[in-house]
PDB file of all heavy atoms in Angstrom:
ATOM      1  N   THR A   1      19.023  -8.731  -4.887  1.00  0.00           N
ATOM      2  CA  THR A   1      19.477  -9.150  -6.217  1.00  0.00           C
ATOM      3  C   THR A   1      18.417  -9.978  -6.915  1.00  0.00           C
ATOM      4  O   THR A   1      18.188  -9.827  -8.113  1.00  0.00           O
ATOM      5  CB  THR A   1      20.794  -9.950  -6.134  1.00  0.00           C
ATOM      6  OG1 THR A   1      20.614 -11.084  -5.311  1.00  0.00           O
ATOM      7  CG2 THR A   1      21.926  -9.092  -5.620  1.00  0.00           C
ATOM      8  N   HIS A   2      17.740 -10.836  -6.153  1.00  0.00           N
ATOM      9  CA  HIS A   2      16.690 -11.656  -6.738  1.00  0.00           C
ATOM     10  C   HIS A   2      15.537 -10.786  -7.244  1.00  0.00           C
ATOM     11  O   HIS A   2      14.976 -11.048  -8.309  1.00  0.00           O
ATOM     12  CB  HIS A   2      16.180 -12.667  -5.715  1.00  0.00           C
ATOM     13  CG  HIS A   2      15.041 -13.481  -6.203  1.00  0.00           C
ATOM     14  ND1 HIS A   2      15.211 -14.516  -7.089  1.00  0.00           N
ATOM     15  CD2 HIS A   2      13.723 -13.408  -5.955  1.00  0.00           C
ATOM     16  CE1 HIS A   2      14.036 -15.042  -7.363  1.00  0.00           C
ATOM     17  NE2 HIS A   2      13.114 -14.381  -6.679  1.00  0.00           N
ATOM     18  N   ALA A   3      15.187  -9.765  -6.501  1.00  0.00           N
ATOM     19  CA  ALA A   3      14.091  -8.881  -6.913  1.00  0.00           C
ATOM     20  C   ALA A   3      14.410  -8.179  -8.232  1.00  0.00           C
ATOM     21  O   ALA A   3      13.521  -8.017  -9.077  1.00  0.00           O
ATOM     22  CB  ALA A   3      13.814  -7.850  -5.825  1.00  0.00           C
ATOM     23  N   LEU A   4      15.647  -7.819  -8.429  1.00  0.00           N
ATOM     24  CA  LEU A   4      16.012  -7.115  -9.658  1.00  0.00           C
ATOM     25  C   LEU A   4      15.904  -8.014 -10.882  1.00  0.00           C
ATOM     26  O   LEU A   4      15.278  -7.651 -11.882  1.00  0.00           O
ATOM     27  CB  LEU A   4      17.426  -6.549  -9.536  1.00  0.00           C
ATOM     28  CG  LEU A   4      17.573  -5.374  -8.580  1.00  0.00           C
ATOM     29  CD1 LEU A   4      19.031  -4.987  -8.433  1.00  0.00           C
ATOM     30  CD2 LEU A   4      16.767  -4.194  -9.057  1.00  0.00           C
ATOM     31  N   PHE A   5      16.488  -9.197 -10.846  1.00  0.00           N
ATOM     32  CA  PHE A   5      16.408 -10.022 -12.044  1.00  0.00           C
ATOM     33  C   PHE A   5      15.064 -10.714 -12.175  1.00  0.00           C
ATOM     34  O   PHE A   5      14.652 -11.070 -13.278  1.00  0.00           O
ATOM     35  CB  PHE A   5      17.582 -10.989 -12.184  1.00  0.00           C
ATOM     36  CG  PHE A   5      17.752 -12.027 -11.129  1.00  0.00           C
ATOM     37  CD1 PHE A   5      16.958 -13.154 -11.098  1.00  0.00           C
ATOM     38  CD2 PHE A   5      18.751 -11.902 -10.182  1.00  0.00           C
ATOM     39  CE1 PHE A   5      17.139 -14.125 -10.133  1.00  0.00           C
ATOM     40  CE2 PHE A   5      18.945 -12.869  -9.219  1.00  0.00           C
ATOM     41  CZ  PHE A   5      18.130 -13.981  -9.194  1.00  0.00           C
ATOM     42  N   LYS A   6      14.322 -10.857 -11.081  1.00  0.00           N
ATOM     43  CA  LYS A   6      12.968 -11.417 -11.192  1.00  0.00           C
ATOM     44  C   LYS A   6      12.027 -10.405 -11.833  1.00  0.00           C
ATOM     45  O   LYS A   6      11.130 -10.778 -12.599  1.00  0.00           O
ATOM     46  CB  LYS A   6      12.455 -11.823  -9.814  1.00  0.00           C
ATOM     47  CG  LYS A   6      11.195 -12.619  -9.846  1.00  0.00           C
ATOM     48  CD  LYS A   6      11.330 -13.877 -10.675  1.00  0.00           C
ATOM     49  CE  LYS A   6      12.270 -14.833 -10.036  1.00  0.00           C
ATOM     50  NZ  LYS A   6      12.209 -16.182 -10.549  1.00  0.00           N
ATOM     51  N   ALA A   7      12.219  -9.124 -11.547  1.00  0.00           N
ATOM     52  CA  ALA A   7      11.426  -8.091 -12.203  1.00  0.00           C
ATOM     53  C   ALA A   7      11.694  -8.098 -13.709  1.00  0.00           C
ATOM     54  O   ALA A   7      10.763  -7.969 -14.516  1.00  0.00           O
ATOM     55  CB  ALA A   7      11.755  -6.719 -11.613  1.00  0.00           C
ATOM     56  N   LEU A   8      12.945  -8.283 -14.087  1.00  0.00           N
ATOM     57  CA  LEU A   8      13.277  -8.386 -15.503  1.00  0.00           C
ATOM     58  C   LEU A   8      12.614  -9.608 -16.135  1.00  0.00           C
ATOM     59  O   LEU A   8      12.104  -9.542 -17.256  1.00  0.00           O
ATOM     60  CB  LEU A   8      14.793  -8.448 -15.687  1.00  0.00           C
ATOM     61  CG  LEU A   8      15.307  -8.566 -17.118  1.00  0.00           C
ATOM     62  CD1 LEU A   8      14.863  -7.378 -17.959  1.00  0.00           C
ATOM     63  CD2 LEU A   8      16.814  -8.693 -17.124  1.00  0.00           C
ATOM     64  N   LEU A   9      12.589 -10.722 -15.411  1.00  0.00           N
ATOM     65  CA  LEU A   9      11.932 -11.925 -15.931  1.00  0.00           C
ATOM     66  C   LEU A   9      10.442 -11.688 -16.158  1.00  0.00           C
ATOM     67  O   LEU A   9       9.885 -12.094 -17.187  1.00  0.00           O
ATOM     68  CB  LEU A   9      12.115 -13.089 -14.958  1.00  0.00           C
ATOM     69  CG  LEU A   9      13.307 -13.991 -15.160  1.00  0.00           C
ATOM     70  CD1 LEU A   9      13.387 -15.024 -14.051  1.00  0.00           C
ATOM     71  CD2 LEU A   9      13.259 -14.674 -16.493  1.00  0.00           C
ATOM     72  N   PHE A  10       9.774 -11.044 -15.223  1.00  0.00           N
ATOM     73  CA  PHE A  10       8.340 -10.784 -15.389  1.00  0.00           C
ATOM     74  C   PHE A  10       8.070  -9.779 -16.506  1.00  0.00           C
ATOM     75  O   PHE A  10       7.069  -9.902 -17.223  1.00  0.00           O
ATOM     76  CB  PHE A  10       7.709 -10.323 -14.076  1.00  0.00           C
ATOM     77  CG  PHE A  10       7.221 -11.453 -13.230  1.00  0.00           C
ATOM     78  CD1 PHE A  10       7.820 -11.728 -12.014  1.00  0.00           C
ATOM     79  CD2 PHE A  10       6.164 -12.246 -13.640  1.00  0.00           C
ATOM     80  CE1 PHE A  10       7.371 -12.776 -11.232  1.00  0.00           C
ATOM     81  CE2 PHE A  10       5.705 -13.291 -12.865  1.00  0.00           C
ATOM     82  CZ  PHE A  10       6.312 -13.560 -11.656  1.00  0.00           C
ATOM     83  N   LEU A  11       8.947  -8.800 -16.686  1.00  0.00           N
ATOM     84  CA  LEU A  11       8.781  -7.875 -17.809  1.00  0.00           C
ATOM     85  C   LEU A  11       8.919  -8.609 -19.142  1.00  0.00           C
ATOM     86  O   LEU A  11       8.129  -8.399 -20.067  1.00  0.00           O
ATOM     87  CB  LEU A  11       9.802  -6.736 -17.716  1.00  0.00           C
ATOM     88  CG  LEU A  11       9.542  -5.680 -16.673  1.00  0.00           C
ATOM     89  CD1 LEU A  11      10.745  -4.753 -16.550  1.00  0.00           C
ATOM     90  CD2 LEU A  11       8.299  -4.891 -17.000  1.00  0.00           C
ATOM     91  N   CYS A  12       9.916  -9.458 -19.239  1.00  0.00           N
ATOM     92  CA  CYS A  12      10.103 -10.248 -20.460  1.00  0.00           C
ATOM     93  C   CYS A  12       8.936 -11.202 -20.680  1.00  0.00           C
ATOM     94  O   CYS A  12       8.489 -11.396 -21.811  1.00  0.00           O
ATOM     95  CB  CYS A  12      11.408 -11.034 -20.387  1.00  0.00           C
ATOM     96  SG  CYS A  12      12.883 -10.011 -20.424  1.00  0.00           S
ATOM     97  N   ALA A  13       8.435 -11.781 -19.603  1.00  0.00           N
ATOM     98  CA  ALA A  13       7.293 -12.685 -19.722  1.00  0.00           C
ATOM     99  C   ALA A  13       6.075 -11.942 -20.238  1.00  0.00           C
ATOM    100  O   ALA A  13       5.316 -12.468 -21.064  1.00  0.00           O
ATOM    101  CB  ALA A  13       6.995 -13.337 -18.381  1.00  0.00           C
ATOM    102  N   GLY A  14       5.872 -10.728 -19.789  1.00  0.00           N
ATOM    103  CA  GLY A  14       4.754  -9.928 -20.272  1.00  0.00           C
ATOM    104  C   GLY A  14       4.846  -9.651 -21.758  1.00  0.00           C
ATOM    105  O   GLY A  14       3.849  -9.731 -22.492  1.00  0.00           O
ATOM    106  N   VAL A  15       6.033  -9.347 -22.229  1.00  0.00           N
ATOM    107  CA  VAL A  15       6.235  -9.112 -23.662  1.00  0.00           C
ATOM    108  C   VAL A  15       5.974 -10.395 -24.449  1.00  0.00           C
ATOM    109  O   VAL A  15       5.316 -10.371 -25.500  1.00  0.00           O
ATOM    110  CB  VAL A  15       7.666  -8.579 -23.931  1.00  0.00           C
ATOM    111  CG1 VAL A  15       7.966  -8.539 -25.410  1.00  0.00           C
ATOM    112  CG2 VAL A  15       7.843  -7.209 -23.319  1.00  0.00           C
ATOM    113  N   LEU A  16       6.470 -11.516 -23.937  1.00  0.00           N
ATOM    114  CA  LEU A  16       6.261 -12.788 -24.631  1.00  0.00           C
ATOM    115  C   LEU A  16       4.792 -13.181 -24.670  1.00  0.00           C
ATOM    116  O   LEU A  16       4.288 -13.642 -25.704  1.00  0.00           O
ATOM    117  CB  LEU A  16       7.076 -13.898 -23.969  1.00  0.00           C
ATOM    118  CG  LEU A  16       8.582 -13.812 -24.110  1.00  0.00           C
ATOM    119  CD1 LEU A  16       9.243 -14.962 -23.374  1.00  0.00           C
ATOM    120  CD2 LEU A  16       8.998 -13.804 -25.562  1.00  0.00           C
ATOM    121  N   ILE A  17       4.097 -13.002 -23.563  1.00  0.00           N
ATOM    122  CA  ILE A  17       2.680 -13.342 -23.520  1.00  0.00           C
ATOM    123  C   ILE A  17       1.894 -12.468 -24.482  1.00  0.00           C
ATOM    124  O   ILE A  17       1.037 -12.944 -25.240  1.00  0.00           O
ATOM    125  CB  ILE A  17       2.143 -13.224 -22.078  1.00  0.00           C
ATOM    126  CG1 ILE A  17       2.730 -14.339 -21.219  1.00  0.00           C
ATOM    127  CG2 ILE A  17       0.620 -13.263 -22.052  1.00  0.00           C
ATOM    128  CD1 ILE A  17       2.482 -14.158 -19.728  1.00  0.00           C
ATOM    129  N   HIS A  18       2.187 -11.182 -24.484  1.00  0.00           N
ATOM    130  CA  HIS A  18       1.499 -10.269 -25.398  1.00  0.00           C
ATOM    131  C   HIS A  18       1.828 -10.592 -26.857  1.00  0.00           C
ATOM    132  O   HIS A  18       0.949 -10.592 -27.718  1.00  0.00           O
ATOM    133  CB  HIS A  18       1.879  -8.826 -25.070  1.00  0.00           C
ATOM    134  CG  HIS A  18       1.219  -7.820 -25.941  1.00  0.00           C
ATOM    135  ND1 HIS A  18      -0.120  -7.532 -25.851  1.00  0.00           N
ATOM    136  CD2 HIS A  18       1.706  -7.039 -26.940  1.00  0.00           C
ATOM    137  CE1 HIS A  18      -0.432  -6.616 -26.754  1.00  0.00           C
ATOM    138  NE2 HIS A  18       0.661  -6.301 -27.427  1.00  0.00           N
ATOM    139  N   GLY A  19       3.095 -10.882 -27.129  1.00  0.00           N
ATOM    140  CA  GLY A  19       3.515 -11.162 -28.500  1.00  0.00           C
ATOM    141  C   GLY A  19       3.072 -12.513 -29.022  1.00  0.00           C
ATOM    142  O   GLY A  19       2.988 -12.728 -30.225  1.00  0.00           O
ATOM    143  N   ALA A  20       2.766 -13.436 -28.115  1.00  0.00           N
ATOM    144  CA  ALA A  20       2.348 -14.781 -28.531  1.00  0.00           C
ATOM    145  C   ALA A  20       0.833 -14.932 -28.549  1.00  0.00           C
ATOM    146  O   ALA A  20       0.318 -16.041 -28.495  1.00  0.00           O
ATOM    147  CB  ALA A  20       2.968 -15.821 -27.607  1.00  0.00           C
ATOM    148  N   GLY A  21       0.131 -13.826 -28.619  1.00  0.00           N
ATOM    149  CA  GLY A  21      -1.323 -13.897 -28.717  1.00  0.00           C
ATOM    150  C   GLY A  21      -2.006 -14.145 -27.387  1.00  0.00           C
ATOM    151  O   GLY A  21      -3.010 -14.853 -27.326  1.00  0.00           O
ATOM    152  N   ASN A  22      -1.474 -13.571 -26.313  1.00  0.00           N
ATOM    153  CA  ASN A  22      -2.046 -13.668 -24.967  1.00  0.00           C
ATOM    154  C   ASN A  22      -2.149 -15.097 -24.435  1.00  0.00           C
ATOM    155  O   ASN A  22      -3.082 -15.432 -23.722  1.00  0.00           O
ATOM    156  CB  ASN A  22      -3.412 -12.978 -24.902  1.00  0.00           C
ATOM    157  CG  ASN A  22      -3.302 -11.492 -25.112  1.00  0.00           C
ATOM    158  OD1 ASN A  22      -2.319 -10.885 -24.713  1.00  0.00           O
ATOM    159  ND2 ASN A  22      -4.286 -10.898 -25.750  1.00  0.00           N
ATOM    160  N   THR A  23      -1.198 -15.928 -24.794  1.00  0.00           N
ATOM    161  CA  THR A  23      -1.135 -17.273 -24.219  1.00  0.00           C
ATOM    162  C   THR A  23       0.063 -17.359 -23.284  1.00  0.00           C
ATOM    163  O   THR A  23       1.099 -16.755 -23.541  1.00  0.00           O
ATOM    164  CB  THR A  23      -1.047 -18.363 -25.295  1.00  0.00           C
ATOM    165  OG1 THR A  23      -1.034 -19.637 -24.666  1.00  0.00           O
ATOM    166  CG2 THR A  23       0.194 -18.227 -26.158  1.00  0.00           C
ATOM    167  N   GLN A  24      -0.103 -18.090 -22.195  1.00  0.00           N
ATOM    168  CA  GLN A  24       0.963 -18.263 -21.217  1.00  0.00           C
ATOM    169  C   GLN A  24       1.570 -19.645 -21.296  1.00  0.00           C
ATOM    170  O   GLN A  24       2.526 -19.942 -20.574  1.00  0.00           O
ATOM    171  CB  GLN A  24       0.415 -18.046 -19.806  1.00  0.00           C
ATOM    172  CG  GLN A  24      -0.100 -16.672 -19.569  1.00  0.00           C
ATOM    173  CD  GLN A  24      -0.715 -16.499 -18.194  1.00  0.00           C
ATOM    174  OE1 GLN A  24      -1.140 -15.428 -17.881  1.00  0.00           O
ATOM    175  NE2 GLN A  24      -0.761 -17.516 -17.373  1.00  0.00           N
ATOM    176  N   ASP A  25       1.051 -20.496 -22.156  1.00  0.00           N
ATOM    177  CA  ASP A  25       1.512 -21.879 -22.271  1.00  0.00           C
ATOM    178  C   ASP A  25       2.809 -21.904 -23.077  1.00  0.00           C
ATOM    179  O   ASP A  25       2.821 -21.572 -24.263  1.00  0.00           O
ATOM    180  CB  ASP A  25       0.442 -22.722 -22.955  1.00  0.00           C
ATOM    181  CG  ASP A  25       0.720 -24.206 -22.859  1.00  0.00           C
ATOM    182  OD1 ASP A  25       1.824 -24.579 -22.418  1.00  0.00           O
ATOM    183  OD2 ASP A  25      -0.170 -24.981 -23.227  1.00  0.00           O
ATOM    184  N   ILE A  26       3.901 -22.323 -22.432  1.00  0.00           N
ATOM    185  CA  ILE A  26       5.199 -22.276 -23.109  1.00  0.00           C
ATOM    186  C   ILE A  26       5.311 -23.326 -24.207  1.00  0.00           C
ATOM    187  O   ILE A  26       6.197 -23.241 -25.043  1.00  0.00           O
ATOM    188  CB  ILE A  26       6.372 -22.400 -22.108  1.00  0.00           C
ATOM    189  CG1 ILE A  26       6.317 -23.711 -21.341  1.00  0.00           C
ATOM    190  CG2 ILE A  26       6.406 -21.224 -21.181  1.00  0.00           C
ATOM    191  CD1 ILE A  26       7.524 -23.965 -20.472  1.00  0.00           C
ATOM    192  N   ARG A  27       4.400 -24.288 -24.229  1.00  0.00           N
ATOM    193  CA  ARG A  27       4.410 -25.265 -25.316  1.00  0.00           C
ATOM    194  C   ARG A  27       4.011 -24.625 -26.634  1.00  0.00           C
ATOM    195  O   ARG A  27       4.363 -25.119 -27.699  1.00  0.00           O
ATOM    196  CB  ARG A  27       3.465 -26.422 -25.005  1.00  0.00           C
ATOM    197  CG  ARG A  27       3.913 -27.280 -23.847  1.00  0.00           C
ATOM    198  CD  ARG A  27       2.885 -28.300 -23.516  1.00  0.00           C
ATOM    199  NE  ARG A  27       1.732 -27.622 -22.902  1.00  0.00           N
ATOM    200  CZ  ARG A  27       0.789 -28.231 -22.208  1.00  0.00           C
ATOM    201  NH1 ARG A  27       0.829 -29.537 -22.060  1.00  0.00           N
ATOM    202  NH2 ARG A  27      -0.191 -27.552 -21.682  1.00  0.00           N
ATOM    203  N   SER A  28       3.299 -23.516 -26.572  1.00  0.00           N
ATOM    204  CA  SER A  28       2.874 -22.854 -27.798  1.00  0.00           C
ATOM    205  C   SER A  28       3.829 -21.732 -28.217  1.00  0.00           C
ATOM    206  O   SER A  28       3.566 -21.032 -29.176  1.00  0.00           O
ATOM    207  CB  SER A  28       1.457 -22.292 -27.641  1.00  0.00           C
ATOM    208  OG  SER A  28       1.436 -21.297 -26.637  1.00  0.00           O
ATOM    209  N   PHE A  29       4.918 -21.555 -27.489  1.00  0.00           N
ATOM    210  CA  PHE A  29       5.881 -20.514 -27.862  1.00  0.00           C
ATOM    211  C   PHE A  29       6.810 -21.048 -28.948  1.00  0.00           C
ATOM    212  O   PHE A  29       6.472 -21.051 -30.092  1.00  0.00           O
ATOM    213  CB  PHE A  29       6.690 -20.060 -26.646  1.00  0.00           C
ATOM    214  CG  PHE A  29       5.939 -19.189 -25.682  1.00  0.00           C
ATOM    215  CD1 PHE A  29       4.604 -18.884 -25.867  1.00  0.00           C
ATOM    216  CD2 PHE A  29       6.559 -18.661 -24.584  1.00  0.00           C
ATOM    217  CE1 PHE A  29       3.917 -18.080 -24.986  1.00  0.00           C
ATOM    218  CE2 PHE A  29       5.888 -17.854 -23.686  1.00  0.00           C
ATOM    219  CZ  PHE A  29       4.567 -17.564 -23.889  1.00  0.00           C
TER     220      PHE A  29
END
């Protein structure tokens, strides 16, 4: 169960990082 929702979290994180100009710093989101 953890693998399934963690995969979803990483997919969403990839979209956010790409959409936020390739930054991973959540302070800039």
